[in-house]
N, C-alpha and C. Protein backbone atom coordinates (compact mmCIF):
# COMPACT_ATOMS: atom_id res chain seq x y z
N MET A 1 25.64 20.28 -13.88
CA MET A 1 24.78 20.99 -13.33
C MET A 1 24.47 20.56 -12.05
N THR A 2 24.56 21.48 -10.83
CA THR A 2 24.85 20.47 -9.44
C THR A 2 23.30 20.77 -9.37
N ALA A 3 22.96 20.17 -7.98
CA ALA A 3 21.43 20.28 -7.67
C ALA A 3 21.28 21.35 -7.09
N LYS A 4 22.10 22.06 -6.60
CA LYS A 4 21.55 23.60 -5.80
C LYS A 4 21.60 24.27 -7.00
N THR A 5 22.21 23.76 -8.04
CA THR A 5 21.98 25.35 -9.20
C THR A 5 20.92 24.89 -10.00
N GLU A 6 20.11 23.26 -10.57
CA GLU A 6 19.23 23.19 -11.02
C GLU A 6 18.14 23.70 -10.17
N ARG A 7 18.03 23.87 -8.84
CA ARG A 7 16.80 24.11 -7.85
C ARG A 7 16.85 25.64 -7.88
N ALA A 8 18.15 26.17 -7.96
CA ALA A 8 17.96 27.98 -8.26
C ALA A 8 17.46 28.27 -9.70
N ASP A 9 18.10 27.50 -10.60
CA ASP A 9 17.16 27.60 -12.48
C ASP A 9 15.50 27.28 -12.11
N ALA A 10 15.02 26.27 -10.95
CA ALA A 10 13.79 25.84 -11.17
C ALA A 10 12.96 27.08 -10.19
N ILE A 11 13.64 27.76 -9.00
CA ILE A 11 12.82 28.83 -9.08
C ILE A 11 13.04 30.02 -9.77
N ARG A 12 13.58 30.18 -10.12
CA ARG A 12 14.18 31.47 -11.13
C ARG A 12 12.93 30.86 -11.93
N TRP A 13 12.68 30.23 -12.61
CA TRP A 13 11.49 29.79 -14.30
C TRP A 13 10.39 30.15 -13.22
N ILE A 14 9.65 29.26 -11.90
CA ILE A 14 8.62 29.44 -11.52
C ILE A 14 8.25 30.95 -11.03
N GLN A 15 9.35 32.13 -10.99
CA GLN A 15 9.35 33.24 -10.75
C GLN A 15 8.53 34.17 -11.84
N ALA A 16 9.70 33.49 -12.68
CA ALA A 16 9.40 34.07 -14.39
C ALA A 16 7.83 34.10 -14.58
N GLN A 17 7.24 32.38 -14.44
CA GLN A 17 6.09 32.14 -15.07
C GLN A 17 4.92 33.09 -14.01
N MET A 18 5.13 33.28 -12.88
CA MET A 18 4.50 34.15 -12.16
C MET A 18 3.77 35.27 -12.26
N ASP A 19 5.39 36.07 -13.15
CA ASP A 19 5.40 37.11 -13.46
C ASP A 19 4.51 37.56 -15.16
N ASP A 20 5.33 36.85 -15.67
CA ASP A 20 4.42 36.77 -16.54
C ASP A 20 2.92 36.55 -17.17
N TYR A 21 2.30 35.77 -16.09
CA TYR A 21 1.00 35.73 -15.51
C TYR A 21 -0.11 36.11 -14.93
N GLY A 22 0.80 36.60 -14.04
CA GLY A 22 0.58 38.18 -12.68
C GLY A 22 -0.19 37.25 -11.54
N LEU A 23 0.78 36.05 -11.26
CA LEU A 23 -0.04 35.05 -10.23
C LEU A 23 0.80 35.30 -8.95
N THR A 24 0.09 35.50 -7.68
CA THR A 24 0.66 35.50 -6.19
C THR A 24 0.57 34.51 -5.37
N LEU A 25 2.04 34.20 -4.67
CA LEU A 25 1.63 33.10 -3.82
C LEU A 25 0.47 32.69 -3.43
N GLU A 26 -0.67 34.12 -2.77
CA GLU A 26 -1.63 34.01 -2.29
C GLU A 26 -3.06 33.25 -3.43
N GLU A 27 -3.06 33.61 -4.37
CA GLU A 27 -3.65 33.16 -5.42
C GLU A 27 -3.08 31.29 -5.42
N LEU A 28 -1.81 31.11 -5.51
CA LEU A 28 -1.51 30.11 -6.14
C LEU A 28 -1.90 28.69 -4.81
N ASP A 29 -1.74 29.16 -3.41
CA ASP A 29 -2.37 28.55 -2.04
C ASP A 29 -3.53 28.43 -2.47
N ALA A 30 -4.83 29.42 -2.50
CA ALA A 30 -5.52 29.30 -2.32
C ALA A 30 -6.54 28.23 -3.80
N ALA A 31 -5.70 28.31 -4.67
CA ALA A 31 -5.90 27.24 -6.16
C ALA A 31 -5.58 25.76 -5.20
N GLY A 32 -4.85 25.94 -4.12
CA GLY A 32 -4.65 24.38 -3.57
C GLY A 32 -3.40 23.82 -4.69
N CYS A 33 -2.24 24.52 -4.60
CA CYS A 33 -1.18 24.38 -5.23
C CYS A 33 -0.50 23.78 -4.33
N PHE A 34 -0.40 24.04 -2.80
CA PHE A 34 0.07 23.79 -1.54
C PHE A 34 -0.41 22.70 -0.97
N ALA A 35 -1.55 22.28 -1.20
CA ALA A 35 -2.00 21.35 -0.67
C ALA A 35 -1.18 20.47 -0.52
N PRO A 36 -1.32 19.76 0.73
CA PRO A 36 -0.93 18.47 1.27
C PRO A 36 -0.97 17.61 0.39
N PRO A 37 -0.39 16.46 0.34
CA PRO A 37 -0.79 14.94 -0.72
C PRO A 37 -2.22 14.41 0.14
N PRO A 38 -2.97 13.77 -0.56
CA PRO A 38 -3.72 12.63 0.20
C PRO A 38 -2.81 11.59 1.15
N PRO A 39 -3.43 11.46 1.99
CA PRO A 39 -3.04 10.34 2.52
C PRO A 39 -2.86 8.85 2.22
N PRO A 40 -2.23 7.73 2.03
CA PRO A 40 -1.96 6.62 1.53
C PRO A 40 -2.99 5.89 1.74
N PRO A 41 -3.48 5.10 0.80
CA PRO A 41 -4.87 4.55 1.00
C PRO A 41 -4.02 3.23 2.10
N ALA A 42 -5.48 3.00 2.37
CA ALA A 42 -5.37 1.85 3.62
C ALA A 42 -4.84 0.51 3.34
N ALA A 43 -3.74 -0.17 4.21
CA ALA A 43 -4.01 -1.03 3.76
C ALA A 43 -4.48 -2.36 3.47
N PRO A 44 -4.75 -3.47 2.54
CA PRO A 44 -5.67 -4.48 2.92
C PRO A 44 -5.97 -4.92 3.97
N PRO A 45 -6.79 -5.68 4.21
CA PRO A 45 -7.25 -6.60 5.36
C PRO A 45 -6.66 -7.56 5.59
N PRO A 46 -6.04 -7.75 6.55
CA PRO A 46 -5.33 -9.21 6.60
C PRO A 46 -6.44 -10.40 5.60
N PRO A 47 -5.85 -11.65 5.47
CA PRO A 47 -6.47 -12.29 4.49
C PRO A 47 -7.37 -13.24 6.05
N VAL A 48 -8.50 -13.65 5.56
CA VAL A 48 -9.32 -14.52 6.61
C VAL A 48 -8.42 -15.83 6.19
N VAL A 49 -8.35 -16.12 7.71
CA VAL A 49 -8.33 -17.82 8.00
C VAL A 49 -8.83 -18.99 8.27
N CYS A 50 -8.69 -19.65 7.10
CA CYS A 50 -9.77 -20.87 6.79
C CYS A 50 -9.39 -21.77 7.54
N TYR A 51 -8.05 -22.46 7.59
CA TYR A 51 -7.20 -23.33 8.15
C TYR A 51 -6.63 -22.90 9.15
N ARG A 52 -6.53 -23.63 10.37
CA ARG A 52 -5.59 -23.72 11.10
C ARG A 52 -5.42 -25.05 12.44
N ASN A 53 -4.35 -25.36 12.49
CA ASN A 53 -3.65 -26.59 12.65
C ASN A 53 -3.57 -25.81 14.42
N ALA A 54 -3.24 -27.49 15.58
CA ALA A 54 -2.76 -27.01 16.62
C ALA A 54 -1.49 -26.09 17.28
N GLU A 55 -0.51 -26.09 16.34
CA GLU A 55 0.17 -25.31 16.52
C GLU A 55 0.30 -23.87 16.11
N GLY A 56 -1.26 -23.47 15.63
CA GLY A 56 -1.65 -22.20 15.47
C GLY A 56 -1.28 -21.64 14.07
N LEU A 57 -0.50 -22.89 12.89
CA LEU A 57 0.07 -22.26 11.37
C LEU A 57 -1.28 -22.29 11.10
N THR A 58 -1.62 -20.96 10.00
CA THR A 58 -2.74 -20.75 9.41
C THR A 58 -2.64 -21.00 7.61
N TRP A 59 -3.92 -20.99 7.03
CA TRP A 59 -3.85 -20.87 5.76
C TRP A 59 -5.40 -20.40 5.54
N ASP A 60 -5.04 -19.27 4.00
CA ASP A 60 -6.34 -18.63 4.04
C ASP A 60 -7.37 -19.10 3.01
N GLY A 61 -6.69 -20.16 2.29
CA GLY A 61 -7.30 -21.04 1.43
C GLY A 61 -6.71 -20.45 0.20
N GLN A 62 -5.89 -19.89 -0.09
CA GLN A 62 -5.79 -19.35 -1.59
C GLN A 62 -4.31 -19.73 -1.59
N GLY A 63 -3.92 -19.87 -2.85
CA GLY A 63 -2.63 -20.32 -3.53
C GLY A 63 -2.69 -21.50 -3.16
N GLU A 64 -1.24 -22.06 -3.19
CA GLU A 64 -0.48 -23.22 -2.74
C GLU A 64 -0.65 -23.58 -0.97
N MET A 65 -1.05 -24.72 -1.01
CA MET A 65 -1.63 -25.57 -0.03
C MET A 65 -0.11 -25.44 0.82
N PRO A 66 -0.21 -24.91 2.19
CA PRO A 66 0.87 -24.97 2.85
C PRO A 66 1.82 -26.64 3.14
N SER A 67 2.65 -26.41 3.68
CA SER A 67 3.35 -27.68 4.06
C SER A 67 2.85 -28.33 4.50
N TRP A 68 2.29 -27.65 6.28
CA TRP A 68 2.17 -28.75 7.37
C TRP A 68 0.49 -28.91 7.23
N LEU A 69 0.01 -28.24 5.95
CA LEU A 69 -1.41 -29.35 5.64
C LEU A 69 -1.93 -30.31 4.63
N LYS A 70 -0.25 -29.67 3.80
CA LYS A 70 0.44 -31.55 2.82
C LYS A 70 0.71 -32.41 4.10
N ARG A 71 1.67 -31.94 4.72
CA ARG A 71 1.81 -33.59 5.22
C ARG A 71 0.46 -33.77 6.02
N ALA A 72 -0.39 -32.79 6.79
CA ALA A 72 -1.53 -33.88 7.87
C ALA A 72 -2.54 -35.00 6.62
N VAL A 73 -2.45 -34.13 5.40
CA VAL A 73 -3.43 -34.86 4.71
C VAL A 73 -3.11 -36.04 3.62
N ASN A 74 -1.72 -36.02 3.00
CA ASN A 74 -0.54 -36.94 3.44
C ASN A 74 -1.04 -38.11 4.21
N ALA A 75 -1.22 -37.63 5.54
CA ALA A 75 -0.52 -38.56 6.74
C ALA A 75 -2.43 -39.41 7.06
N GLY A 76 -3.71 -39.14 5.98
CA GLY A 76 -4.44 -39.29 6.49
C GLY A 76 -5.75 -38.46 6.78
N GLN A 77 -5.28 -37.09 7.24
CA GLN A 77 -6.82 -36.19 8.04
C GLN A 77 -6.96 -35.63 6.87
N SER A 78 -8.07 -34.82 7.00
CA SER A 78 -8.97 -34.51 5.95
C SER A 78 -8.73 -32.96 5.93
N VAL A 79 -8.92 -32.11 5.26
CA VAL A 79 -8.37 -31.07 4.91
C VAL A 79 -9.59 -30.08 5.85
N GLU A 80 -11.05 -30.69 5.68
CA GLU A 80 -11.76 -30.00 6.70
C GLU A 80 -11.64 -29.98 8.20
N PHE A 81 -11.04 -30.79 8.77
CA PHE A 81 -10.48 -31.24 9.96
C PHE A 81 -9.93 -29.83 10.56
N TYR A 82 -9.35 -29.16 9.59
CA TYR A 82 -8.74 -28.29 9.95
C TYR A 82 -9.35 -26.24 9.61
N ARG A 83 -10.73 -26.64 9.12
CA ARG A 83 -11.25 -25.79 8.70
C ARG A 83 -11.98 -24.69 10.00
N VAL A 84 -11.44 -23.74 10.47
CA VAL A 84 -12.21 -22.82 11.08
C VAL A 84 -13.87 -22.09 11.08
N GLY A 85 -14.08 -22.49 12.25
CA GLY A 85 -15.83 -21.98 12.15
C GLY A 85 -16.04 -22.07 10.37
N SER A 86 -17.56 -21.48 10.27
CA SER A 86 -18.10 -21.51 9.40
C SER A 86 -17.78 -20.47 8.23
N LEU A 87 -17.55 -21.19 6.89
CA LEU A 87 -17.34 -19.87 5.82
C LEU A 87 -18.53 -19.66 5.15
C-alpha cells in the first residue's frame, strides 16, 4: 500500500467517523482538535562556570575534572586558585 493510498484511506475513515457521530469540522475545531502544538520546552540554562583558567577554559565542577585543571593541580597549583567568584 502506498503512502497516498494510506492517506486517502485515513481521510475516508475520518469522514465516516464524523458522519457516524454527526460531527462537523467547526465542532472539531472548537474542541481544539486543530490547535497548534505547544511550544517545545525552553532549553536548560547553561551550567554555571565555577572554575576558569587564563586561556578562558572553564569547568562547572560537575563530572570529571578537565585535563587543563588536572595538569595544573599535578603541577602544584590549587584547584581553588581557578575558582570564579563566590559560590
